[in-house]
PDB file of all heavy atoms in Angstrom:
ATOM      1  N   LEU A   1    -166.848 109.224 135.635  1.00  0.00           N
ATOM      2  CA  LEU A   1    -166.490 107.805 135.590  1.00  0.00           C
ATOM      3  C   LEU A   1    -165.018 107.590 135.919  1.00  0.00           C
ATOM      4  O   LEU A   1    -164.656 106.614 136.593  1.00  0.00           O
ATOM      5  CB  LEU A   1    -166.818 107.230 134.213  1.00  0.00           C
ATOM      6  CG  LEU A   1    -168.302 107.139 133.868  1.00  0.00           C
ATOM      7  CD1 LEU A   1    -168.487 106.699 132.425  1.00  0.00           C
ATOM      8  CD2 LEU A   1    -169.014 106.208 134.811  1.00  0.00           C
ATOM      9  N   GLU A   2    -164.162 108.488 135.461  1.00  0.00           N
ATOM     10  CA  GLU A   2    -162.735 108.376 135.773  1.00  0.00           C
ATOM     11  C   GLU A   2    -162.478 108.582 137.262  1.00  0.00           C
ATOM     12  O   GLU A   2    -161.624 107.909 137.848  1.00  0.00           O
ATOM     13  CB  GLU A   2    -161.927 109.375 134.955  1.00  0.00           C
ATOM     14  CG  GLU A   2    -161.818 109.019 133.505  1.00  0.00           C
ATOM     15  CD  GLU A   2    -161.064 107.725 133.273  1.00  0.00           C
ATOM     16  OE1 GLU A   2    -160.011 107.512 133.901  1.00  0.00           O
ATOM     17  OE2 GLU A   2    -161.532 106.925 132.460  1.00  0.00           O
ATOM     18  N   LEU A   3    -163.205 109.498 137.886  1.00  0.00           N
ATOM     19  CA  LEU A   3    -163.064 109.677 139.329  1.00  0.00           C
ATOM     20  C   LEU A   3    -163.504 108.431 140.083  1.00  0.00           C
ATOM     21  O   LEU A   3    -162.874 108.033 141.074  1.00  0.00           O
ATOM     22  CB  LEU A   3    -163.876 110.883 139.806  1.00  0.00           C
ATOM     23  CG  LEU A   3    -163.259 112.242 139.586  1.00  0.00           C
ATOM     24  CD1 LEU A   3    -164.242 113.330 139.980  1.00  0.00           C
ATOM     25  CD2 LEU A   3    -161.989 112.387 140.397  1.00  0.00           C
ATOM     26  N   MET A   4    -164.570 107.811 139.615  1.00  0.00           N
ATOM     27  CA  MET A   4    -165.028 106.576 140.246  1.00  0.00           C
ATOM     28  C   MET A   4    -163.977 105.478 140.119  1.00  0.00           C
ATOM     29  O   MET A   4    -163.681 104.772 141.092  1.00  0.00           O
ATOM     30  CB  MET A   4    -166.355 106.131 139.621  1.00  0.00           C
ATOM     31  CG  MET A   4    -167.512 107.027 139.977  1.00  0.00           C
ATOM     32  SD  MET A   4    -168.995 106.702 139.039  1.00  0.00           S
ATOM     33  CE  MET A   4    -169.327 105.012 139.415  1.00  0.00           C
ATOM     34  N   LEU A   5    -163.405 105.337 138.945  1.00  0.00           N
ATOM     35  CA  LEU A   5    -162.351 104.336 138.749  1.00  0.00           C
ATOM     36  C   LEU A   5    -161.121 104.643 139.600  1.00  0.00           C
ATOM     37  O   LEU A   5    -160.486 103.738 140.140  1.00  0.00           O
ATOM     38  CB  LEU A   5    -161.960 104.254 137.284  1.00  0.00           C
ATOM     39  CG  LEU A   5    -162.949 103.543 136.370  1.00  0.00           C
ATOM     40  CD1 LEU A   5    -162.529 103.711 134.918  1.00  0.00           C
ATOM     41  CD2 LEU A   5    -163.044 102.092 136.724  1.00  0.00           C
ATOM     42  N   GLY A   6    -160.800 105.913 139.739  1.00  0.00           N
ATOM     43  CA  GLY A   6    -159.678 106.298 140.590  1.00  0.00           C
ATOM     44  C   GLY A   6    -159.910 105.931 142.044  1.00  0.00           C
ATOM     45  O   GLY A   6    -158.987 105.477 142.736  1.00  0.00           O
ATOM     46  N   GLY A   7    -161.128 106.111 142.522  1.00  0.00           N
ATOM     47  CA  GLY A   7    -161.446 105.713 143.890  1.00  0.00           C
ATOM     48  C   GLY A   7    -161.343 104.218 144.096  1.00  0.00           C
ATOM     49  O   GLY A   7    -160.829 103.745 145.114  1.00  0.00           O
ATOM     50  N   VAL A   8    -161.806 103.447 143.119  1.00  0.00           N
ATOM     51  CA  VAL A   8    -161.711 101.984 143.210  1.00  0.00           C
ATOM     52  C   VAL A   8    -160.250 101.538 143.196  1.00  0.00           C
ATOM     53  O   VAL A   8    -159.847 100.659 143.968  1.00  0.00           O
ATOM     54  CB  VAL A   8    -162.517 101.326 142.071  1.00  0.00           C
ATOM     55  CG1 VAL A   8    -162.231  99.848 141.982  1.00  0.00           C
ATOM     56  CG2 VAL A   8    -164.000 101.582 142.262  1.00  0.00           C
ATOM     57  N   ILE A   9    -159.448 102.136 142.344  1.00  0.00           N
ATOM     58  CA  ILE A   9    -158.035 101.765 142.269  1.00  0.00           C
ATOM     59  C   ILE A   9    -157.309 102.149 143.553  1.00  0.00           C
ATOM     60  O   ILE A   9    -156.469 101.384 144.060  1.00  0.00           O
ATOM     61  CB  ILE A   9    -157.380 102.400 141.031  1.00  0.00           C
ATOM     62  CG1 ILE A   9    -157.897 101.717 139.780  1.00  0.00           C
ATOM     63  CG2 ILE A   9    -155.872 102.324 141.102  1.00  0.00           C
ATOM     64  CD1 ILE A   9    -157.452 102.355 138.509  1.00  0.00           C
ATOM     65  N   LEU A  10    -157.635 103.307 144.118  1.00  0.00           N
ATOM     66  CA  LEU A  10    -157.014 103.718 145.377  1.00  0.00           C
ATOM     67  C   LEU A  10    -157.371 102.748 146.498  1.00  0.00           C
ATOM     68  O   LEU A  10    -156.507 102.349 147.281  1.00  0.00           O
ATOM     69  CB  LEU A  10    -157.441 105.138 145.738  1.00  0.00           C
ATOM     70  CG  LEU A  10    -156.913 105.684 147.061  1.00  0.00           C
ATOM     71  CD1 LEU A  10    -155.393 105.779 147.012  1.00  0.00           C
ATOM     72  CD2 LEU A  10    -157.537 107.026 147.362  1.00  0.00           C
ATOM     73  N   ALA A  11    -158.629 102.343 146.559  1.00  0.00           N
ATOM     74  CA  ALA A  11    -159.035 101.388 147.588  1.00  0.00           C
ATOM     75  C   ALA A  11    -158.353 100.038 147.395  1.00  0.00           C
ATOM     76  O   ALA A  11    -157.875  99.429 148.369  1.00  0.00           O
ATOM     77  CB  ALA A  11    -160.556 101.220 147.566  1.00  0.00           C
ATOM     78  N   ALA A  12    -158.278  99.572 146.170  1.00  0.00           N
ATOM     79  CA  ALA A  12    -157.620  98.288 145.902  1.00  0.00           C
ATOM     80  C   ALA A  12    -156.135  98.343 146.241  1.00  0.00           C
ATOM     81  O   ALA A  12    -155.593  97.399 146.840  1.00  0.00           O
ATOM     82  CB  ALA A  12    -157.812  97.896 144.442  1.00  0.00           C
ATOM     83  N   ALA A  13    -155.483  99.443 145.887  1.00  0.00           N
ATOM     84  CA  ALA A  13    -154.057  99.573 146.193  1.00  0.00           C
ATOM     85  C   ALA A  13    -153.823  99.649 147.696  1.00  0.00           C
ATOM     86  O   ALA A  13    -152.860  99.058 148.209  1.00  0.00           O
ATOM     87  CB  ALA A  13    -153.490 100.814 145.510  1.00  0.00           C
ATOM     88  N   ALA A  14    -154.691 100.347 148.417  1.00  0.00           N
ATOM     89  CA  ALA A  14    -154.529 100.453 149.864  1.00  0.00           C
ATOM     90  C   ALA A  14    -154.733  99.106 150.539  1.00  0.00           C
ATOM     91  O   ALA A  14    -153.954  98.719 151.420  1.00  0.00           O
ATOM     92  CB  ALA A  14    -155.518 101.479 150.424  1.00  0.00           C
ATOM     93  N   VAL A  15    -155.762  98.378 150.141  1.00  0.00           N
ATOM     94  CA  VAL A  15    -156.008  97.065 150.729  1.00  0.00           C
ATOM     95  C   VAL A  15    -154.846  96.130 150.414  1.00  0.00           C
ATOM     96  O   VAL A  15    -154.372  95.400 151.287  1.00  0.00           O
ATOM     97  CB  VAL A  15    -157.355  96.499 150.241  1.00  0.00           C
ATOM     98  CG1 VAL A  15    -157.490  95.040 150.592  1.00  0.00           C
ATOM     99  CG2 VAL A  15    -158.507  97.298 150.818  1.00  0.00           C
ATOM    100  N   TRP A  16    -154.370  96.162 149.178  1.00  0.00           N
ATOM    101  CA  TRP A  16    -153.261  95.294 148.795  1.00  0.00           C
ATOM    102  C   TRP A  16    -152.006  95.636 149.600  1.00  0.00           C
ATOM    103  O   TRP A  16    -151.274  94.758 150.032  1.00  0.00           O
ATOM    104  CB  TRP A  16    -152.983  95.428 147.307  1.00  0.00           C
ATOM    105  CG  TRP A  16    -152.219  94.271 146.753  1.00  0.00           C
ATOM    106  CD1 TRP A  16    -150.932  93.925 147.040  1.00  0.00           C
ATOM    107  CD2 TRP A  16    -152.685  93.294 145.842  1.00  0.00           C
ATOM    108  NE1 TRP A  16    -150.567  92.809 146.344  1.00  0.00           N
ATOM    109  CE2 TRP A  16    -151.638  92.397 145.605  1.00  0.00           C
ATOM    110  CE3 TRP A  16    -153.887  93.100 145.179  1.00  0.00           C
ATOM    111  CZ2 TRP A  16    -151.739  91.318 144.751  1.00  0.00           C
ATOM    112  CZ3 TRP A  16    -153.990  92.033 144.331  1.00  0.00           C
ATOM    113  CH2 TRP A  16    -152.951  91.151 144.120  1.00  0.00           C
ATOM    114  N   HIS A  17    -151.771  96.928 149.829  1.00  0.00           N
ATOM    115  CA  HIS A  17    -150.593  97.347 150.581  1.00  0.00           C
ATOM    116  C   HIS A  17    -150.682  96.891 152.037  1.00  0.00           C
ATOM    117  O   HIS A  17    -149.676  96.480 152.622  1.00  0.00           O
ATOM    118  CB  HIS A  17    -150.430  98.863 150.525  1.00  0.00           C
ATOM    119  CG  HIS A  17    -149.336  99.369 151.408  1.00  0.00           C
ATOM    120  ND1 HIS A  17    -147.996  99.180 151.111  1.00  0.00           N
ATOM    121  CD2 HIS A  17    -149.367 100.043 152.580  1.00  0.00           C
ATOM    122  CE1 HIS A  17    -147.260  99.726 152.063  1.00  0.00           C
ATOM    123  NE2 HIS A  17    -148.068 100.256 152.969  1.00  0.00           N
ATOM    124  N   PHE A  18    -151.850  96.972 152.630  1.00  0.00           N
ATOM    125  CA  PHE A  18    -151.979  96.593 154.024  1.00  0.00           C
ATOM    126  C   PHE A  18    -152.079  95.083 154.217  1.00  0.00           C
ATOM    127  O   PHE A  18    -151.761  94.575 155.283  1.00  0.00           O
ATOM    128  CB  PHE A  18    -153.181  97.296 154.664  1.00  0.00           C
ATOM    129  CG  PHE A  18    -152.893  98.720 155.016  1.00  0.00           C
ATOM    130  CD1 PHE A  18    -153.294  99.744 154.170  1.00  0.00           C
ATOM    131  CD2 PHE A  18    -152.199  99.046 156.157  1.00  0.00           C
ATOM    132  CE1 PHE A  18    -153.026 101.059 154.480  1.00  0.00           C
ATOM    133  CE2 PHE A  18    -151.915 100.363 156.482  1.00  0.00           C
ATOM    134  CZ  PHE A  18    -152.322 101.371 155.641  1.00  0.00           C
ATOM    135  N   VAL A  19    -152.496  94.357 153.200  1.00  0.00           N
ATOM    136  CA  VAL A  19    -152.571  92.896 153.313  1.00  0.00           C
ATOM    137  C   VAL A  19    -151.197  92.269 153.075  1.00  0.00           C
ATOM    138  O   VAL A  19    -150.759  91.400 153.824  1.00  0.00           O
ATOM    139  CB  VAL A  19    -153.615  92.331 152.321  1.00  0.00           C
ATOM    140  CG1 VAL A  19    -153.515  90.826 152.221  1.00  0.00           C
ATOM    141  CG2 VAL A  19    -155.006  92.748 152.748  1.00  0.00           C
ATOM    142  N   ALA A  20    -150.525  92.697 152.021  1.00  0.00           N
ATOM    143  CA  ALA A  20    -149.210  92.129 151.682  1.00  0.00           C
ATOM    144  C   ALA A  20    -148.264  93.257 151.290  1.00  0.00           C
ATOM    145  O   ALA A  20    -148.075  93.539 150.107  1.00  0.00           O
ATOM    146  CB  ALA A  20    -149.353  91.131 150.544  1.00  0.00           C
ATOM    147  N   PRO A  21    -147.646  93.937 152.281  1.00  0.00           N
ATOM    148  CA  PRO A  21    -146.804  95.099 151.955  1.00  0.00           C
ATOM    149  C   PRO A  21    -145.519  94.759 151.204  1.00  0.00           C
ATOM    150  O   PRO A  21    -144.984  95.603 150.497  1.00  0.00           O
ATOM    151  CB  PRO A  21    -146.484  95.713 153.320  1.00  0.00           C
ATOM    152  CG  PRO A  21    -146.776  94.665 154.313  1.00  0.00           C
ATOM    153  CD  PRO A  21    -147.747  93.715 153.709  1.00  0.00           C
ATOM    154  N   ALA A  22    -145.040  93.547 151.317  1.00  0.00           N
ATOM    155  CA  ALA A  22    -143.781  93.197 150.650  1.00  0.00           C
ATOM    156  C   ALA A  22    -143.979  92.761 149.203  1.00  0.00           C
ATOM    157  O   ALA A  22    -143.044  92.775 148.416  1.00  0.00           O
ATOM    158  CB  ALA A  22    -143.082  92.078 151.423  1.00  0.00           C
ATOM    159  N   ALA A  23    -145.189  92.398 148.848  1.00  0.00           N
ATOM    160  CA  ALA A  23    -145.459  91.904 147.492  1.00  0.00           C
ATOM    161  C   ALA A  23    -145.553  93.071 146.512  1.00  0.00           C
ATOM    162  O   ALA A  23    -146.116  94.114 146.818  1.00  0.00           O
ATOM    163  CB  ALA A  23    -146.751  91.099 147.474  1.00  0.00           C
ATOM    164  N   THR A  24    -145.000  92.873 145.332  1.00  0.00           N
ATOM    165  CA  THR A  24    -145.055  93.909 144.304  1.00  0.00           C
ATOM    166  C   THR A  24    -146.218  93.692 143.342  1.00  0.00           C
ATOM    167  O   THR A  24    -146.393  94.477 142.405  1.00  0.00           O
ATOM    168  CB  THR A  24    -143.748  93.941 143.503  1.00  0.00           C
ATOM    169  OG1 THR A  24    -143.549  92.660 142.905  1.00  0.00           O
ATOM    170  CG2 THR A  24    -142.577  94.283 144.395  1.00  0.00           C
ATOM    171  N   ASP A  25    -147.004  92.655 143.562  1.00  0.00           N
ATOM    172  CA  ASP A  25    -148.132  92.376 142.668  1.00  0.00           C
ATOM    173  C   ASP A  25    -149.136  93.517 142.659  1.00  0.00           C
ATOM    174  O   ASP A  25    -149.691  93.869 141.621  1.00  0.00           O
ATOM    175  CB  ASP A  25    -148.835  91.084 143.080  1.00  0.00           C
ATOM    176  CG  ASP A  25    -147.924  89.881 143.005  1.00  0.00           C
ATOM    177  OD1 ASP A  25    -146.902  89.985 142.304  1.00  0.00           O
ATOM    178  OD2 ASP A  25    -148.243  88.864 143.634  1.00  0.00           O
ATOM    179  N   GLY A  26    -149.387  94.107 143.812  1.00  0.00           N
ATOM    180  CA  GLY A  26    -150.341  95.205 143.911  1.00  0.00           C
ATOM    181  C   GLY A  26    -149.891  96.431 143.146  1.00  0.00           C
ATOM    182  O   GLY A  26    -150.686  97.110 142.500  1.00  0.00           O
ATOM    183  N   GLN A  27    -148.594  96.717 143.203  1.00  0.00           N
ATOM    184  CA  GLN A  27    -148.072  97.870 142.469  1.00  0.00           C
ATOM    185  C   GLN A  27    -148.206  97.671 140.970  1.00  0.00           C
ATOM    186  O   GLN A  27    -148.570  98.608 140.245  1.00  0.00           O
ATOM    187  CB  GLN A  27    -146.612  98.106 142.847  1.00  0.00           C
ATOM    188  CG  GLN A  27    -146.408  98.488 144.283  1.00  0.00           C
ATOM    189  CD  GLN A  27    -144.937  98.540 144.659  1.00  0.00           C
ATOM    190  OE1 GLN A  27    -144.067  98.290 143.836  1.00  0.00           O
ATOM    191  NE2 GLN A  27    -144.679  98.859 145.914  1.00  0.00           N
ATOM    192  N   VAL A  28    -147.938  96.471 140.510  1.00  0.00           N
ATOM    193  CA  VAL A  28    -148.074  96.168 139.082  1.00  0.00           C
ATOM    194  C   VAL A  28    -149.533  96.285 138.663  1.00  0.00           C
ATOM    195  O   VAL A  28    -149.854  96.836 137.600  1.00  0.00           O
ATOM    196  CB  VAL A  28    -147.503  94.765 138.770  1.00  0.00           C
ATOM    197  CG1 VAL A  28    -147.819  94.349 137.346  1.00  0.00           C
ATOM    198  CG2 VAL A  28    -146.026  94.733 139.034  1.00  0.00           C
ATOM    199  N   LEU A  29    -150.433  95.799 139.510  1.00  0.00           N
ATOM    200  CA  LEU A  29    -151.859  95.891 139.206  1.00  0.00           C
ATOM    201  C   LEU A  29    -152.325  97.337 139.132  1.00  0.00           C
ATOM    202  O   LEU A  29    -153.091  97.702 138.241  1.00  0.00           O
ATOM    203  CB  LEU A  29    -152.661  95.126 140.261  1.00  0.00           C
ATOM    204  CG  LEU A  29    -154.171  95.107 140.074  1.00  0.00           C
ATOM    205  CD1 LEU A  29    -154.529  94.322 138.817  1.00  0.00           C
ATOM    206  CD2 LEU A  29    -154.847  94.515 141.284  1.00  0.00           C
ATOM    207  N   VAL A  30    -151.855  98.187 140.037  1.00  0.00           N
ATOM    208  CA  VAL A  30    -152.239  99.601 140.034  1.00  0.00           C
ATOM    209  C   VAL A  30    -151.701 100.295 138.786  1.00  0.00           C
ATOM    210  O   VAL A  30    -152.418 101.066 138.137  1.00  0.00           O
ATOM    211  CB  VAL A  30    -151.760 100.296 141.323  1.00  0.00           C
ATOM    212  CG1 VAL A  30    -151.871 101.802 141.207  1.00  0.00           C
ATOM    213  CG2 VAL A  30    -152.557  99.791 142.509  1.00  0.00           C
ATOM    214  N   VAL A  31    -150.457 100.045 138.424  1.00  0.00           N
ATOM    215  CA  VAL A  31    -149.887 100.658 137.215  1.00  0.00           C
ATOM    216  C   VAL A  31    -150.655 100.199 135.982  1.00  0.00           C
ATOM    217  O   VAL A  31    -150.954 101.002 135.084  1.00  0.00           O
ATOM    218  CB  VAL A  31    -148.385 100.343 137.106  1.00  0.00           C
ATOM    219  CG1 VAL A  31    -147.842 100.723 135.746  1.00  0.00           C
ATOM    220  CG2 VAL A  31    -147.620 101.054 138.198  1.00  0.00           C
ATOM    221  N   LEU A  32    -150.999  98.932 135.929  1.00  0.00           N
ATOM    222  CA  LEU A  32    -151.781  98.413 134.813  1.00  0.00           C
ATOM    223  C   LEU A  32    -153.169  99.048 134.757  1.00  0.00           C
ATOM    224  O   LEU A  32    -153.647  99.438 133.678  1.00  0.00           O
ATOM    225  CB  LEU A  32    -151.897  96.888 134.913  1.00  0.00           C
ATOM    226  CG  LEU A  32    -152.662  96.201 133.793  1.00  0.00           C
ATOM    227  CD1 LEU A  32    -151.905  96.335 132.486  1.00  0.00           C
ATOM    228  CD2 LEU A  32    -152.898  94.746 134.135  1.00  0.00           C
ATOM    229  N   ALA A  33    -153.807  99.200 135.900  1.00  0.00           N
ATOM    230  CA  ALA A  33    -155.150  99.799 135.938  1.00  0.00           C
ATOM    231  C   ALA A  33    -155.117 101.273 135.527  1.00  0.00           C
ATOM    232  O   ALA A  33    -156.002 101.746 134.809  1.00  0.00           O
ATOM    233  CB  ALA A  33    -155.750  99.648 137.329  1.00  0.00           C
ATOM    234  N   VAL A  34    -154.107 102.006 135.966  1.00  0.00           N
ATOM    235  CA  VAL A  34    -153.989 103.416 135.577  1.00  0.00           C
ATOM    236  C   VAL A  34    -153.723 103.533 134.080  1.00  0.00           C
ATOM    237  O   VAL A  34    -154.256 104.429 133.404  1.00  0.00           O
ATOM    238  CB  VAL A  34    -152.891 104.112 136.413  1.00  0.00           C
ATOM    239  CG1 VAL A  34    -152.565 105.476 135.867  1.00  0.00           C
ATOM    240  CG2 VAL A  34    -153.334 104.212 137.864  1.00  0.00           C
ATOM    241  N   THR A  35    -152.928 102.634 133.533  1.00  0.00           N
ATOM    242  CA  THR A  35    -152.673 102.627 132.088  1.00  0.00           C
ATOM    243  C   THR A  35    -153.953 102.343 131.314  1.00  0.00           C
ATOM    244  O   THR A  35    -154.240 103.009 130.306  1.00  0.00           O
ATOM    245  CB  THR A  35    -151.604 101.583 131.743  1.00  0.00           C
ATOM    246  OG1 THR A  35    -150.439 101.842 132.521  1.00  0.00           O
ATOM    247  CG2 THR A  35    -151.263 101.608 130.281  1.00  0.00           C
ATOM    248  N   VAL A  36    -154.732 101.376 131.786  1.00  0.00           N
ATOM    249  CA  VAL A  36    -156.007 101.076 131.129  1.00  0.00           C
ATOM    250  C   VAL A  36    -156.957 102.266 131.229  1.00  0.00           C
ATOM    251  O   VAL A  36    -157.670 102.578 130.267  1.00  0.00           O
ATOM    252  CB  VAL A  36    -156.632  99.798 131.745  1.00  0.00           C
ATOM    253  CG1 VAL A  36    -158.066  99.613 131.302  1.00  0.00           C
ATOM    254  CG2 VAL A  36    -155.802  98.590 131.377  1.00  0.00           C
ATOM    255  N   MET A  37    -156.964 102.959 132.370  1.00  0.00           N
ATOM    256  CA  MET A  37    -157.798 104.162 132.510  1.00  0.00           C
ATOM    257  C   MET A  37    -157.405 105.227 131.498  1.00  0.00           C
ATOM    258  O   MET A  37    -158.266 105.875 130.903  1.00  0.00           O
ATOM    259  CB  MET A  37    -157.659 104.747 133.919  1.00  0.00           C
ATOM    260  CG  MET A  37    -158.514 104.101 134.954  1.00  0.00           C
ATOM    261  SD  MET A  37    -158.259 104.788 136.603  1.00  0.00           S
ATOM    262  CE  MET A  37    -158.426 106.535 136.352  1.00  0.00           C
ATOM    263  N   ALA A  38    -156.108 105.418 131.303  1.00  0.00           N
ATOM    264  CA  ALA A  38    -155.647 106.437 130.364  1.00  0.00           C
ATOM    265  C   ALA A  38    -156.039 106.079 128.933  1.00  0.00           C
ATOM    266  O   ALA A  38    -156.490 106.942 128.165  1.00  0.00           O
ATOM    267  CB  ALA A  38    -154.136 106.604 130.475  1.00  0.00           C
ATOM    268  N   VAL A  39    -155.889 104.820 128.565  1.00  0.00           N
ATOM    269  CA  VAL A  39    -156.267 104.382 127.218  1.00  0.00           C
ATOM    270  C   VAL A  39    -157.773 104.512 127.033  1.00  0.00           C
ATOM    271  O   VAL A  39    -158.245 104.979 125.986  1.00  0.00           O
ATOM    272  CB  VAL A  39    -155.787 102.937 126.969  1.00  0.00           C
ATOM    273  CG1 VAL A  39    -156.387 102.367 125.703  1.00  0.00           C
ATOM    274  CG2 VAL A  39    -154.277 102.897 126.907  1.00  0.00           C
ATOM    275  N   GLU A  40    -158.532 104.128 128.039  1.00  0.00           N
ATOM    276  CA  GLU A  40    -159.997 104.225 127.956  1.00  0.00           C
ATOM    277  C   GLU A  40    -160.437 105.678 127.796  1.00  0.00           C
ATOM    278  O   GLU A  40    -161.341 105.980 127.015  1.00  0.00           O
ATOM    279  CB  GLU A  40    -160.610 103.603 129.208  1.00  0.00           C
ATOM    280  CG  GLU A  40    -162.105 103.716 129.283  1.00  0.00           C
ATOM    281  CD  GLU A  40    -162.554 104.774 130.251  1.00  0.00           C
ATOM    282  OE1 GLU A  40    -161.825 105.087 131.196  1.00  0.00           O
ATOM    283  OE2 GLU A  40    -163.652 105.307 130.036  1.00  0.00           O
TER     284      GLU A  40
END
């Protein structure tokens, strides 16, 4: 399940980076998602 979540987060971060590379919202979302994964 953690590998599956990691794949989803990687895809979301990649799409966010290619859609809006200057925005930091995607980076914050990825850090938040990884933190939630660790707590879970």
